[in-house]
Amino acid sequence: MSKNIYVGNLPFSTTDDELNDLFSPFGTISSARVIRDKFTDRSRGFGFVEMENDEEAEKAITELDGKSVGERVLKIQEARPRQDRGGRGGRNF
């Protein structure tokens, strides 16, 4: 089973490929994505990495949490499941 990892406090210049490269020494990566603002397309300073192996993911979390990248200290942890935040705007009929 794969594990989804939250990567916070990323330098705003970080690309998906750079995020992938950061985690690839620890194991097989299913996906690596920097989250971008949907209006400006600029990085929001965090992303998610999905790794295929739980043990490799745990090692990556342990090794990379608190590591400095581009003068920013990364905050890395297992991602929490998304919660439904309900509808936004509009009318309820």
N, C-alpha and C. Protein backbone atom coordinates (compact mmCIF):
# COMPACT_ATOMS: atom_id res chain seq x y z
N MET A 1 0.85 -1.19 0.00
CA MET A 1 0.00 0.00 0.00
C MET A 1 0.88 1.24 0.00
N SER A 2 0.48 2.25 -0.71
CA SER A 2 1.29 3.46 -0.81
C SER A 2 0.99 4.40 0.35
N LYS A 3 1.93 5.31 0.58
CA LYS A 3 1.80 6.28 1.66
C LYS A 3 1.92 7.67 1.08
N ASN A 4 1.01 8.55 1.47
CA ASN A 4 1.00 9.93 1.01
C ASN A 4 1.71 10.79 2.06
N ILE A 5 2.65 11.62 1.61
CA ILE A 5 3.48 12.42 2.50
C ILE A 5 3.27 13.90 2.21
N TYR A 6 3.02 14.66 3.28
CA TYR A 6 2.91 16.11 3.19
C TYR A 6 4.31 16.71 3.32
N VAL A 7 4.65 17.64 2.43
CA VAL A 7 5.94 18.33 2.46
C VAL A 7 5.66 19.82 2.56
N GLY A 8 5.92 20.40 3.73
CA GLY A 8 5.63 21.80 3.96
C GLY A 8 6.86 22.66 4.02
N ASN A 9 6.66 23.95 3.86
CA ASN A 9 7.70 24.97 3.93
C ASN A 9 8.72 24.84 2.79
N LEU A 10 8.22 24.45 1.63
CA LEU A 10 9.09 24.34 0.45
C LEU A 10 9.47 25.72 -0.06
N PRO A 11 10.68 25.86 -0.59
CA PRO A 11 10.99 27.12 -1.29
C PRO A 11 9.99 27.30 -2.43
N PHE A 12 9.55 28.52 -2.68
CA PHE A 12 8.52 28.76 -3.68
C PHE A 12 9.00 28.44 -5.10
N SER A 13 10.30 28.29 -5.29
CA SER A 13 10.84 27.97 -6.61
C SER A 13 10.87 26.46 -6.89
N THR A 14 10.52 25.64 -5.92
CA THR A 14 10.60 24.18 -6.07
C THR A 14 9.64 23.69 -7.15
N THR A 15 10.15 22.81 -8.02
CA THR A 15 9.33 22.21 -9.08
C THR A 15 8.93 20.79 -8.67
N ASP A 16 7.98 20.22 -9.41
CA ASP A 16 7.59 18.82 -9.17
C ASP A 16 8.80 17.90 -9.32
N ASP A 17 9.62 18.13 -10.34
CA ASP A 17 10.80 17.29 -10.57
C ASP A 17 11.80 17.39 -9.41
N GLU A 18 11.99 18.59 -8.88
CA GLU A 18 12.90 18.76 -7.74
C GLU A 18 12.37 18.06 -6.50
N LEU A 19 11.07 18.10 -6.30
CA LEU A 19 10.46 17.40 -5.17
C LEU A 19 10.64 15.90 -5.33
N ASN A 20 10.44 15.41 -6.54
CA ASN A 20 10.67 14.00 -6.84
C ASN A 20 12.12 13.62 -6.56
N ASP A 21 13.06 14.45 -7.00
CA ASP A 21 14.49 14.18 -6.80
C ASP A 21 14.86 14.16 -5.32
N LEU A 22 14.21 14.96 -4.51
CA LEU A 22 14.48 15.02 -3.08
C LEU A 22 14.14 13.69 -2.41
N PHE A 23 13.05 13.05 -2.86
CA PHE A 23 12.59 11.81 -2.24
C PHE A 23 13.11 10.54 -2.91
N SER A 24 13.54 10.63 -4.15
CA SER A 24 13.92 9.42 -4.90
C SER A 24 15.04 8.59 -4.27
N PRO A 25 16.00 9.17 -3.52
CA PRO A 25 17.00 8.30 -2.89
C PRO A 25 16.42 7.32 -1.86
N PHE A 26 15.19 7.55 -1.42
CA PHE A 26 14.61 6.72 -0.37
C PHE A 26 13.75 5.59 -0.90
N GLY A 27 13.39 5.63 -2.19
CA GLY A 27 12.58 4.56 -2.73
C GLY A 27 11.77 4.99 -3.95
N THR A 28 10.82 4.13 -4.30
CA THR A 28 10.00 4.34 -5.48
C THR A 28 8.89 5.35 -5.20
N ILE A 29 8.79 6.32 -6.09
CA ILE A 29 7.81 7.39 -5.94
C ILE A 29 6.71 7.22 -6.98
N SER A 30 5.47 7.23 -6.52
CA SER A 30 4.32 7.16 -7.44
C SER A 30 4.02 8.52 -8.03
N SER A 31 4.11 9.57 -7.18
CA SER A 31 3.86 10.92 -7.65
C SER A 31 4.50 11.92 -6.70
N ALA A 32 4.84 13.07 -7.25
CA ALA A 32 5.38 14.19 -6.47
C ALA A 32 4.81 15.45 -7.09
N ARG A 33 4.11 16.24 -6.26
CA ARG A 33 3.43 17.41 -6.80
C ARG A 33 3.51 18.59 -5.84
N VAL A 34 3.99 19.71 -6.37
CA VAL A 34 3.97 20.97 -5.64
C VAL A 34 2.61 21.60 -5.88
N ILE A 35 1.95 22.02 -4.83
CA ILE A 35 0.62 22.61 -4.95
C ILE A 35 0.75 24.07 -5.38
N ARG A 36 -0.03 24.43 -6.38
CA ARG A 36 0.04 25.77 -6.95
C ARG A 36 -1.29 26.49 -6.80
N ASP A 37 -1.20 27.81 -6.70
CA ASP A 37 -2.40 28.64 -6.64
C ASP A 37 -3.11 28.55 -7.99
N LYS A 38 -4.40 28.30 -7.97
CA LYS A 38 -5.11 28.09 -9.24
C LYS A 38 -5.28 29.36 -10.06
N PHE A 39 -5.11 30.52 -9.43
CA PHE A 39 -5.26 31.77 -10.17
C PHE A 39 -3.93 32.31 -10.68
N THR A 40 -2.88 32.22 -9.86
CA THR A 40 -1.58 32.80 -10.25
C THR A 40 -0.59 31.76 -10.75
N ASP A 41 -0.86 30.47 -10.50
CA ASP A 41 0.02 29.36 -10.84
C ASP A 41 1.35 29.41 -10.08
N ARG A 42 1.41 30.19 -9.00
CA ARG A 42 2.63 30.22 -8.18
C ARG A 42 2.52 29.16 -7.09
N SER A 43 3.67 28.64 -6.69
CA SER A 43 3.71 27.64 -5.64
C SER A 43 3.08 28.18 -4.36
N ARG A 44 2.40 27.30 -3.64
CA ARG A 44 1.83 27.68 -2.34
C ARG A 44 2.77 27.30 -1.21
N GLY A 45 3.95 26.74 -1.54
CA GLY A 45 4.95 26.44 -0.53
C GLY A 45 4.82 25.08 0.13
N PHE A 46 3.98 24.23 -0.46
CA PHE A 46 3.88 22.86 0.06
C PHE A 46 3.53 21.91 -1.08
N GLY A 47 3.67 20.63 -0.80
CA GLY A 47 3.36 19.64 -1.81
C GLY A 47 3.10 18.29 -1.19
N PHE A 48 2.90 17.30 -2.05
CA PHE A 48 2.64 15.94 -1.61
C PHE A 48 3.46 14.97 -2.44
N VAL A 49 3.96 13.95 -1.76
CA VAL A 49 4.71 12.88 -2.42
C VAL A 49 4.04 11.57 -2.03
N GLU A 50 3.80 10.72 -3.02
CA GLU A 50 3.25 9.41 -2.74
C GLU A 50 4.33 8.38 -3.02
N MET A 51 4.63 7.58 -2.00
CA MET A 51 5.64 6.53 -2.15
C MET A 51 4.95 5.18 -2.06
N GLU A 52 5.47 4.21 -2.81
CA GLU A 52 4.83 2.91 -2.91
C GLU A 52 5.05 2.02 -1.70
N ASN A 53 6.15 2.22 -0.98
CA ASN A 53 6.51 1.33 0.12
C ASN A 53 6.46 2.11 1.44
N ASP A 54 5.72 1.59 2.41
CA ASP A 54 5.57 2.27 3.70
C ASP A 54 6.89 2.45 4.44
N GLU A 55 7.74 1.43 4.43
CA GLU A 55 9.03 1.53 5.12
C GLU A 55 9.91 2.61 4.50
N GLU A 56 9.95 2.65 3.18
CA GLU A 56 10.74 3.68 2.49
C GLU A 56 10.18 5.07 2.79
N ALA A 57 8.85 5.17 2.83
CA ALA A 57 8.21 6.46 3.13
C ALA A 57 8.56 6.92 4.54
N GLU A 58 8.52 6.01 5.50
CA GLU A 58 8.86 6.36 6.89
C GLU A 58 10.31 6.82 7.00
N LYS A 59 11.20 6.16 6.28
CA LYS A 59 12.61 6.56 6.30
C LYS A 59 12.77 7.96 5.70
N ALA A 60 12.07 8.23 4.59
CA ALA A 60 12.14 9.55 3.96
C ALA A 60 11.62 10.63 4.92
N ILE A 61 10.52 10.35 5.60
CA ILE A 61 9.96 11.31 6.55
C ILE A 61 10.97 11.60 7.66
N THR A 62 11.54 10.55 8.21
CA THR A 62 12.50 10.70 9.31
C THR A 62 13.74 11.47 8.87
N GLU A 63 14.26 11.14 7.70
CA GLU A 63 15.51 11.74 7.23
C GLU A 63 15.34 13.17 6.73
N LEU A 64 14.19 13.48 6.15
CA LEU A 64 14.02 14.79 5.51
C LEU A 64 13.34 15.84 6.39
N ASP A 65 12.59 15.41 7.41
CA ASP A 65 11.92 16.38 8.27
C ASP A 65 12.97 17.23 8.99
N GLY A 66 12.87 18.54 8.86
CA GLY A 66 13.82 19.45 9.49
C GLY A 66 15.04 19.76 8.64
N LYS A 67 15.14 19.14 7.47
CA LYS A 67 16.27 19.40 6.58
C LYS A 67 16.10 20.78 5.92
N SER A 68 17.20 21.50 5.78
CA SER A 68 17.17 22.80 5.12
C SER A 68 17.29 22.63 3.61
N VAL A 69 16.39 23.29 2.89
CA VAL A 69 16.42 23.31 1.44
C VAL A 69 16.18 24.75 1.03
N GLY A 70 17.15 25.34 0.35
CA GLY A 70 16.99 26.72 -0.11
C GLY A 70 16.68 27.68 1.03
N GLU A 71 17.36 27.55 2.13
CA GLU A 71 17.21 28.41 3.32
C GLU A 71 15.86 28.26 4.01
N ARG A 72 15.13 27.20 3.71
CA ARG A 72 13.87 26.91 4.41
C ARG A 72 13.98 25.54 5.05
N VAL A 73 13.42 25.39 6.22
CA VAL A 73 13.45 24.12 6.94
C VAL A 73 12.16 23.36 6.63
N LEU A 74 12.32 22.19 6.02
CA LEU A 74 11.17 21.40 5.59
C LEU A 74 10.40 20.83 6.78
N LYS A 75 9.10 20.76 6.62
CA LYS A 75 8.23 20.11 7.60
C LYS A 75 7.56 18.95 6.86
N ILE A 76 7.92 17.74 7.27
CA ILE A 76 7.46 16.56 6.54
C ILE A 76 6.77 15.61 7.50
N GLN A 77 5.59 15.14 7.08
CA GLN A 77 4.83 14.20 7.89
C GLN A 77 3.88 13.42 6.99
N GLU A 78 3.34 12.35 7.55
CA GLU A 78 2.35 11.60 6.79
C GLU A 78 1.14 12.51 6.58
N ALA A 79 0.63 12.53 5.35
CA ALA A 79 -0.51 13.39 5.02
C ALA A 79 -1.76 12.86 5.69
N ARG A 80 -2.57 13.77 6.17
CA ARG A 80 -3.87 13.40 6.73
C ARG A 80 -4.85 13.28 5.58
N PRO A 81 -5.85 12.42 5.73
CA PRO A 81 -6.86 12.32 4.68
C PRO A 81 -7.59 13.64 4.50
N ARG A 82 -7.95 13.94 3.26
CA ARG A 82 -8.71 15.17 2.98
C ARG A 82 -10.06 15.08 3.64
N GLN A 83 -10.49 16.19 4.19
CA GLN A 83 -11.82 16.25 4.78
C GLN A 83 -12.70 17.09 3.87
N ASP A 84 -13.93 16.67 3.75
CA ASP A 84 -14.88 17.44 2.96
C ASP A 84 -15.17 18.73 3.71
N ARG A 85 -14.85 19.84 3.08
CA ARG A 85 -15.06 21.14 3.72
C ARG A 85 -16.40 21.73 3.34
N GLY A 86 -17.25 20.95 2.72
CA GLY A 86 -18.58 21.42 2.34
C GLY A 86 -18.53 22.28 1.10
N GLY A 87 -19.68 22.66 0.66
CA GLY A 87 -19.79 23.49 -0.53
C GLY A 87 -19.31 24.91 -0.26
N ARG A 88 -18.94 25.57 -1.31
CA ARG A 88 -18.47 26.96 -1.21
C ARG A 88 -19.40 27.84 -2.02
N GLY A 89 -19.93 28.84 -1.38
CA GLY A 89 -20.75 29.80 -2.11
C GLY A 89 -22.01 29.17 -2.66
N GLY A 90 -22.65 29.89 -3.54
CA GLY A 90 -23.87 29.38 -4.16
C GLY A 90 -25.04 29.47 -3.22
N ARG A 91 -26.14 28.98 -3.69
CA ARG A 91 -27.37 29.04 -2.89
C ARG A 91 -27.81 27.64 -2.52
N ASN A 92 -28.36 27.54 -1.35
CA ASN A 92 -28.93 26.26 -0.92
C ASN A 92 -30.43 26.35 -1.10
N PHE A 93 -30.98 25.53 -1.97
CA PHE A 93 -32.42 25.56 -2.21
C PHE A 93 -33.07 24.41 -1.51
